Amino acid sequence: MSNAIEPTQLPRLLLTAEQAAEVLQICRTKVYALMGSGHLRSVQIGRSRRIRSSDLQAFVDSLHNETPAA
């Protein structure tokens, strides 16, 4: 019996723009616009951009703070 961790059991730490768009239910172009404006932080690995899952959560949390109280 092996104690090896299967890749499917690991939390996803980095997301592509496409994956982040799917999570946020917005288009990929909007994700790139948010990254370009600095609203959504990202990291560069070689020529690729990735979004840390913690930065995606921070972005969503910041949306709540921008919403005016009723």
PDB file of N, CA and C in Angstrom:
ATOM      1  N   MET A   1       0.851  -1.175   0.000  1.00  0.00           N
ATOM      2  CA  MET A   1       0.000   0.000   0.000  1.00  0.00           C
ATOM      3  C   MET A   1       0.902   1.245   0.000  1.00  0.00           C
ATOM      4  N   SER A   2       0.687   2.108  -0.945  1.00  0.00           N
ATOM      5  CA  SER A   2       1.528   3.287  -1.111  1.00  0.00           C
ATOM      6  C   SER A   2       0.885   4.503  -0.441  1.00  0.00           C
ATOM      7  N   ASN A   3       1.728   5.351   0.142  1.00  0.00           N
ATOM      8  CA  ASN A   3       1.250   6.586   0.762  1.00  0.00           C
ATOM      9  C   ASN A   3       1.453   7.782  -0.164  1.00  0.00           C
ATOM     10  N   ALA A   4       1.745   7.517  -1.423  1.00  0.00           N
ATOM     11  CA  ALA A   4       1.975   8.594  -2.391  1.00  0.00           C
ATOM     12  C   ALA A   4       0.695   9.406  -2.575  1.00  0.00           C
ATOM     13  N   ILE A   5       0.871  10.698  -2.700  1.00  0.00           N
ATOM     14  CA  ILE A   5      -0.267  11.610  -2.930  1.00  0.00           C
ATOM     15  C   ILE A   5      -0.512  11.699  -4.420  1.00  0.00           C
ATOM     16  N   GLU A   6      -1.730  11.445  -4.820  1.00  0.00           N
ATOM     17  CA  GLU A   6      -2.120  11.559  -6.222  1.00  0.00           C
ATOM     18  C   GLU A   6      -2.241  13.029  -6.591  1.00  0.00           C
ATOM     19  N   PRO A   7      -1.858  13.406  -7.814  1.00  0.00           N
ATOM     20  CA  PRO A   7      -1.985  14.811  -8.233  1.00  0.00           C
ATOM     21  C   PRO A   7      -3.394  15.362  -8.097  1.00  0.00           C
ATOM     22  N   THR A   8      -4.400  14.519  -8.231  1.00  0.00           N
ATOM     23  CA  THR A   8      -5.781  14.993  -8.119  1.00  0.00           C
ATOM     24  C   THR A   8      -6.158  15.333  -6.689  1.00  0.00           C
ATOM     25  N   GLN A   9      -5.352  14.893  -5.707  1.00  0.00           N
ATOM     26  CA  GLN A   9      -5.630  15.179  -4.305  1.00  0.00           C
ATOM     27  C   GLN A   9      -4.997  16.489  -3.847  1.00  0.00           C
ATOM     28  N   LEU A  10      -4.079  17.026  -4.637  1.00  0.00           N
ATOM     29  CA  LEU A  10      -3.382  18.252  -4.265  1.00  0.00           C
ATOM     30  C   LEU A  10      -4.241  19.466  -4.586  1.00  0.00           C
ATOM     31  N   PRO A  11      -4.217  20.477  -3.713  1.00  0.00           N
ATOM     32  CA  PRO A  11      -4.965  21.704  -4.041  1.00  0.00           C
ATOM     33  C   PRO A  11      -4.279  22.422  -5.204  1.00  0.00           C
ATOM     34  N   ARG A  12      -5.065  23.051  -6.043  1.00  0.00           N
ATOM     35  CA  ARG A  12      -4.506  23.789  -7.172  1.00  0.00           C
ATOM     36  C   ARG A  12      -4.013  25.134  -6.651  1.00  0.00           C
ATOM     37  N   LEU A  13      -2.713  25.350  -6.692  1.00  0.00           N
ATOM     38  CA  LEU A  13      -2.113  26.576  -6.166  1.00  0.00           C
ATOM     39  C   LEU A  13      -2.090  27.699  -7.196  1.00  0.00           C
ATOM     40  N   LEU A  14      -1.902  27.344  -8.447  1.00  0.00           N
ATOM     41  CA  LEU A  14      -1.822  28.329  -9.521  1.00  0.00           C
ATOM     42  C   LEU A  14      -2.870  28.023 -10.578  1.00  0.00           C
ATOM     43  N   LEU A  15      -3.506  29.065 -11.076  1.00  0.00           N
ATOM     44  CA  LEU A  15      -4.545  28.921 -12.089  1.00  0.00           C
ATOM     45  C   LEU A  15      -4.149  29.676 -13.348  1.00  0.00           C
ATOM     46  N   THR A  16      -4.530  29.155 -14.497  1.00  0.00           N
ATOM     47  CA  THR A  16      -4.378  29.900 -15.738  1.00  0.00           C
ATOM     48  C   THR A  16      -5.480  30.957 -15.796  1.00  0.00           C
ATOM     49  N   ALA A  17      -5.347  31.872 -16.735  1.00  0.00           N
ATOM     50  CA  ALA A  17      -6.394  32.884 -16.916  1.00  0.00           C
ATOM     51  C   ALA A  17      -7.715  32.206 -17.265  1.00  0.00           C
ATOM     52  N   GLU A  18      -7.650  31.165 -18.053  1.00  0.00           N
ATOM     53  CA  GLU A  18      -8.863  30.441 -18.440  1.00  0.00           C
ATOM     54  C   GLU A  18      -9.531  29.797 -17.224  1.00  0.00           C
ATOM     55  N   GLN A  19      -8.730  29.189 -16.362  1.00  0.00           N
ATOM     56  CA  GLN A  19      -9.274  28.555 -15.159  1.00  0.00           C
ATOM     57  C   GLN A  19      -9.863  29.590 -14.212  1.00  0.00           C
ATOM     58  N   ALA A  20      -9.161  30.721 -14.043  1.00  0.00           N
ATOM     59  CA  ALA A  20      -9.679  31.790 -13.179  1.00  0.00           C
ATOM     60  C   ALA A  20     -10.980  32.345 -13.738  1.00  0.00           C
ATOM     61  N   ALA A  21     -11.046  32.491 -15.056  1.00  0.00           N
ATOM     62  CA  ALA A  21     -12.266  32.982 -15.700  1.00  0.00           C
ATOM     63  C   ALA A  21     -13.424  32.031 -15.433  1.00  0.00           C
ATOM     64  N   GLU A  22     -13.153  30.746 -15.484  1.00  0.00           N
ATOM     65  CA  GLU A  22     -14.200  29.758 -15.218  1.00  0.00           C
ATOM     66  C   GLU A  22     -14.685  29.855 -13.771  1.00  0.00           C
ATOM     67  N   VAL A  23     -13.760  30.013 -12.839  1.00  0.00           N
ATOM     68  CA  VAL A  23     -14.125  30.137 -11.426  1.00  0.00           C
ATOM     69  C   VAL A  23     -14.966  31.383 -11.196  1.00  0.00           C
ATOM     70  N   LEU A  24     -14.554  32.507 -11.801  1.00  0.00           N
ATOM     71  CA  LEU A  24     -15.251  33.780 -11.609  1.00  0.00           C
ATOM     72  C   LEU A  24     -16.481  33.921 -12.510  1.00  0.00           C
ATOM     73  N   GLN A  25     -16.623  33.023 -13.460  1.00  0.00           N
ATOM     74  CA  GLN A  25     -17.718  33.061 -14.431  1.00  0.00           C
ATOM     75  C   GLN A  25     -17.703  34.359 -15.241  1.00  0.00           C
ATOM     76  N   ILE A  26     -16.501  34.711 -15.702  1.00  0.00           N
ATOM     77  CA  ILE A  26     -16.306  35.857 -16.587  1.00  0.00           C
ATOM     78  C   ILE A  26     -15.460  35.381 -17.761  1.00  0.00           C
ATOM     79  N   CYS A  27     -15.281  36.212 -18.763  1.00  0.00           N
ATOM     80  CA  CYS A  27     -14.491  35.802 -19.923  1.00  0.00           C
ATOM     81  C   CYS A  27     -12.996  35.962 -19.631  1.00  0.00           C
ATOM     82  N   ARG A  28     -12.217  35.219 -20.381  1.00  0.00           N
ATOM     83  CA  ARG A  28     -10.762  35.221 -20.217  1.00  0.00           C
ATOM     84  C   ARG A  28     -10.186  36.612 -20.468  1.00  0.00           C
ATOM     85  N   THR A  29     -10.750  37.344 -21.432  1.00  0.00           N
ATOM     86  CA  THR A  29     -10.272  38.689 -21.740  1.00  0.00           C
ATOM     87  C   THR A  29     -10.401  39.602 -20.530  1.00  0.00           C
ATOM     88  N   LYS A  30     -11.487  39.471 -19.789  1.00  0.00           N
ATOM     89  CA  LYS A  30     -11.700  40.287 -18.586  1.00  0.00           C
ATOM     90  C   LYS A  30     -10.666  39.943 -17.528  1.00  0.00           C
ATOM     91  N   VAL A  31     -10.297  38.664 -17.406  1.00  0.00           N
ATOM     92  CA  VAL A  31      -9.261  38.262 -16.443  1.00  0.00           C
ATOM     93  C   VAL A  31      -7.943  38.940 -16.801  1.00  0.00           C
ATOM     94  N   TYR A  32      -7.584  38.916 -18.080  1.00  0.00           N
ATOM     95  CA  TYR A  32      -6.347  39.579 -18.501  1.00  0.00           C
ATOM     96  C   TYR A  32      -6.416  41.089 -18.245  1.00  0.00           C
ATOM     97  N   ALA A  33      -7.575  41.688 -18.449  1.00  0.00           N
ATOM     98  CA  ALA A  33      -7.742  43.122 -18.180  1.00  0.00           C
ATOM     99  C   ALA A  33      -7.568  43.409 -16.691  1.00  0.00           C
ATOM    100  N   LEU A  34      -8.118  42.554 -15.841  1.00  0.00           N
ATOM    101  CA  LEU A  34      -7.974  42.726 -14.389  1.00  0.00           C
ATOM    102  C   LEU A  34      -6.517  42.574 -13.965  1.00  0.00           C
ATOM    103  N   MET A  35      -5.806  41.634 -14.588  1.00  0.00           N
ATOM    104  CA  MET A  35      -4.381  41.471 -14.281  1.00  0.00           C
ATOM    105  C   MET A  35      -3.595  42.688 -14.746  1.00  0.00           C
ATOM    106  N   GLY A  36      -3.914  43.182 -15.933  1.00  0.00           N
ATOM    107  CA  GLY A  36      -3.207  44.339 -16.488  1.00  0.00           C
ATOM    108  C   GLY A  36      -3.413  45.603 -15.680  1.00  0.00           C
ATOM    109  N   SER A  37      -4.601  45.744 -15.104  1.00  0.00           N
ATOM    110  CA  SER A  37      -4.906  46.938 -14.310  1.00  0.00           C
ATOM    111  C   SER A  37      -4.390  46.835 -12.872  1.00  0.00           C
ATOM    112  N   GLY A  38      -3.943  45.641 -12.489  1.00  0.00           N
ATOM    113  CA  GLY A  38      -3.440  45.458 -11.132  1.00  0.00           C
ATOM    114  C   GLY A  38      -4.510  45.053 -10.129  1.00  0.00           C
ATOM    115  N   HIS A  39      -5.747  44.914 -10.570  1.00  0.00           N
ATOM    116  CA  HIS A  39      -6.815  44.514  -9.654  1.00  0.00           C
ATOM    117  C   HIS A  39      -6.707  43.041  -9.259  1.00  0.00           C
ATOM    118  N   LEU A  40      -6.165  42.234 -10.170  1.00  0.00           N
ATOM    119  CA  LEU A  40      -5.981  40.808  -9.919  1.00  0.00           C
ATOM    120  C   LEU A  40      -4.496  40.504 -10.069  1.00  0.00           C
ATOM    121  N   ARG A  41      -3.879  40.145  -8.962  1.00  0.00           N
ATOM    122  CA  ARG A  41      -2.440  39.885  -8.979  1.00  0.00           C
ATOM    123  C   ARG A  41      -2.145  38.568  -9.684  1.00  0.00           C
ATOM    124  N   SER A  42      -0.981  38.512 -10.316  1.00  0.00           N
ATOM    125  CA  SER A  42      -0.555  37.298 -11.000  1.00  0.00           C
ATOM    126  C   SER A  42       0.956  37.172 -10.907  1.00  0.00           C
ATOM    127  N   VAL A  43       1.438  35.987 -11.214  1.00  0.00           N
ATOM    128  CA  VAL A  43       2.879  35.729 -11.223  1.00  0.00           C
ATOM    129  C   VAL A  43       3.265  35.270 -12.621  1.00  0.00           C
ATOM    130  N   GLN A  44       4.515  35.510 -12.961  1.00  0.00           N
ATOM    131  CA  GLN A  44       5.000  35.089 -14.259  1.00  0.00           C
ATOM    132  C   GLN A  44       5.950  33.927 -14.074  1.00  0.00           C
ATOM    133  N   ILE A  45       5.734  32.874 -14.841  1.00  0.00           N
ATOM    134  CA  ILE A  45       6.615  31.705 -14.856  1.00  0.00           C
ATOM    135  C   ILE A  45       7.039  31.537 -16.306  1.00  0.00           C
ATOM    136  N   GLY A  46       8.263  31.917 -16.592  1.00  0.00           N
ATOM    137  CA  GLY A  46       8.707  31.919 -17.988  1.00  0.00           C
ATOM    138  C   GLY A  46       7.895  32.930 -18.764  1.00  0.00           C
ATOM    139  N   ARG A  47       7.220  32.464 -19.811  1.00  0.00           N
ATOM    140  CA  ARG A  47       6.383  33.352 -20.617  1.00  0.00           C
ATOM    141  C   ARG A  47       4.916  33.252 -20.235  1.00  0.00           C
ATOM    142  N   SER A  48       4.612  32.452 -19.219  1.00  0.00           N
ATOM    143  CA  SER A  48       3.219  32.230 -18.813  1.00  0.00           C
ATOM    144  C   SER A  48       2.851  33.058 -17.596  1.00  0.00           C
ATOM    145  N   ARG A  49       1.602  33.452 -17.525  1.00  0.00           N
ATOM    146  CA  ARG A  49       1.055  34.143 -16.359  1.00  0.00           C
ATOM    147  C   ARG A  49       0.157  33.169 -15.628  1.00  0.00           C
ATOM    148  N   ARG A  50       0.259  33.158 -14.304  1.00  0.00           N
ATOM    149  CA  ARG A  50      -0.591  32.317 -13.474  1.00  0.00           C
ATOM    150  C   ARG A  50      -1.123  33.163 -12.320  1.00  0.00           C
ATOM    151  N   ILE A  51      -2.280  32.778 -11.825  1.00  0.00           N
ATOM    152  CA  ILE A  51      -2.925  33.482 -10.715  1.00  0.00           C
ATOM    153  C   ILE A  51      -2.921  32.546  -9.520  1.00  0.00           C
ATOM    154  N   ARG A  52      -2.334  33.016  -8.421  1.00  0.00           N
ATOM    155  CA  ARG A  52      -2.348  32.193  -7.207  1.00  0.00           C
ATOM    156  C   ARG A  52      -3.777  32.115  -6.700  1.00  0.00           C
ATOM    157  N   SER A  53      -4.148  30.952  -6.196  1.00  0.00           N
ATOM    158  CA  SER A  53      -5.518  30.789  -5.694  1.00  0.00           C
ATOM    159  C   SER A  53      -5.793  31.774  -4.563  1.00  0.00           C
ATOM    160  N   SER A  54      -4.783  32.086  -3.764  1.00  0.00           N
ATOM    161  CA  SER A  54      -4.967  33.049  -2.669  1.00  0.00           C
ATOM    162  C   SER A  54      -5.211  34.461  -3.215  1.00  0.00           C
ATOM    163  N   ASP A  55      -4.593  34.809  -4.343  1.00  0.00           N
ATOM    164  CA  ASP A  55      -4.832  36.118  -4.960  1.00  0.00           C
ATOM    165  C   ASP A  55      -6.226  36.189  -5.580  1.00  0.00           C
ATOM    166  N   LEU A  56      -6.700  35.069  -6.100  1.00  0.00           N
ATOM    167  CA  LEU A  56      -8.060  35.033  -6.633  1.00  0.00           C
ATOM    168  C   LEU A  56      -9.069  35.241  -5.508  1.00  0.00           C
ATOM    169  N   GLN A  57      -8.828  34.600  -4.376  1.00  0.00           N
ATOM    170  CA  GLN A  57      -9.716  34.770  -3.219  1.00  0.00           C
ATOM    171  C   GLN A  57      -9.659  36.205  -2.704  1.00  0.00           C
ATOM    172  N   ALA A  58      -8.461  36.795  -2.666  1.00  0.00           N
ATOM    173  CA  ALA A  58      -8.317  38.186  -2.215  1.00  0.00           C
ATOM    174  C   ALA A  58      -9.072  39.137  -3.143  1.00  0.00           C
ATOM    175  N   PHE A  59      -9.032  38.856  -4.442  1.00  0.00           N
ATOM    176  CA  PHE A  59      -9.767  39.686  -5.397  1.00  0.00           C
ATOM    177  C   PHE A  59     -11.267  39.616  -5.124  1.00  0.00           C
ATOM    178  N   VAL A  60     -11.777  38.415  -4.930  1.00  0.00           N
ATOM    179  CA  VAL A  60     -13.211  38.245  -4.652  1.00  0.00           C
ATOM    180  C   VAL A  60     -13.582  38.948  -3.346  1.00  0.00           C
ATOM    181  N   ASP A  61     -12.740  38.821  -2.332  1.00  0.00           N
ATOM    182  CA  ASP A  61     -12.992  39.495  -1.060  1.00  0.00           C
ATOM    183  C   ASP A  61     -13.010  41.008  -1.228  1.00  0.00           C
ATOM    184  N   SER A  62     -12.153  41.531  -2.094  1.00  0.00           N
ATOM    185  CA  SER A  62     -12.113  42.987  -2.307  1.00  0.00           C
ATOM    186  C   SER A  62     -13.375  43.484  -2.990  1.00  0.00           C
ATOM    187  N   LEU A  63     -14.030  42.640  -3.762  1.00  0.00           N
ATOM    188  CA  LEU A  63     -15.281  43.038  -4.420  1.00  0.00           C
ATOM    189  C   LEU A  63     -16.361  43.332  -3.399  1.00  0.00           C
ATOM    190  N   HIS A  64     -16.391  42.564  -2.328  1.00  0.00           N
ATOM    191  CA  HIS A  64     -17.363  42.775  -1.270  1.00  0.00           C
ATOM    192  C   HIS A  64     -17.159  44.138  -0.619  1.00  0.00           C
ATOM    193  N   ASN A  65     -15.897  44.535  -0.468  1.00  0.00           N
ATOM    194  CA  ASN A  65     -15.580  45.816   0.165  1.00  0.00           C
ATOM    195  C   ASN A  65     -15.929  47.002  -0.733  1.00  0.00           C
ATOM    196  N   GLU A  66     -15.981  46.792  -2.065  1.00  0.00           N
ATOM    197  CA  GLU A  66     -16.297  47.878  -2.996  1.00  0.00           C
ATOM    198  C   GLU A  66     -17.794  48.093  -3.140  1.00  0.00           C
ATOM    199  N   THR A  67     -18.592  47.114  -2.779  1.00  0.00           N
ATOM    200  CA  THR A  67     -20.035  47.210  -2.950  1.00  0.00           C
ATOM    201  C   THR A  67     -20.617  48.174  -1.910  1.00  0.00           C
ATOM    202  N   PRO A  68     -21.331  49.219  -2.351  1.00  0.00           N
ATOM    203  CA  PRO A  68     -21.909  50.164  -1.393  1.00  0.00           C
ATOM    204  C   PRO A  68     -23.014  49.489  -0.565  1.00  0.00           C
ATOM    205  N   ALA A  69     -23.089  49.876   0.672  1.00  0.00           N
ATOM    206  CA  ALA A  69     -24.127  49.334   1.577  1.00  0.00           C
ATOM    207  C   ALA A  69     -25.497  49.861   1.161  1.00  0.00           C
ATOM    208  N   ALA A  70     -26.494  49.027   1.289  1.00  0.00           N
ATOM    209  CA  ALA A  70     -27.858  49.436   0.896  1.00  0.00           C
ATOM    210  C   ALA A  70     -28.540  50.181   2.016  1.00  0.00           C
TER     211      ALA A  70
END
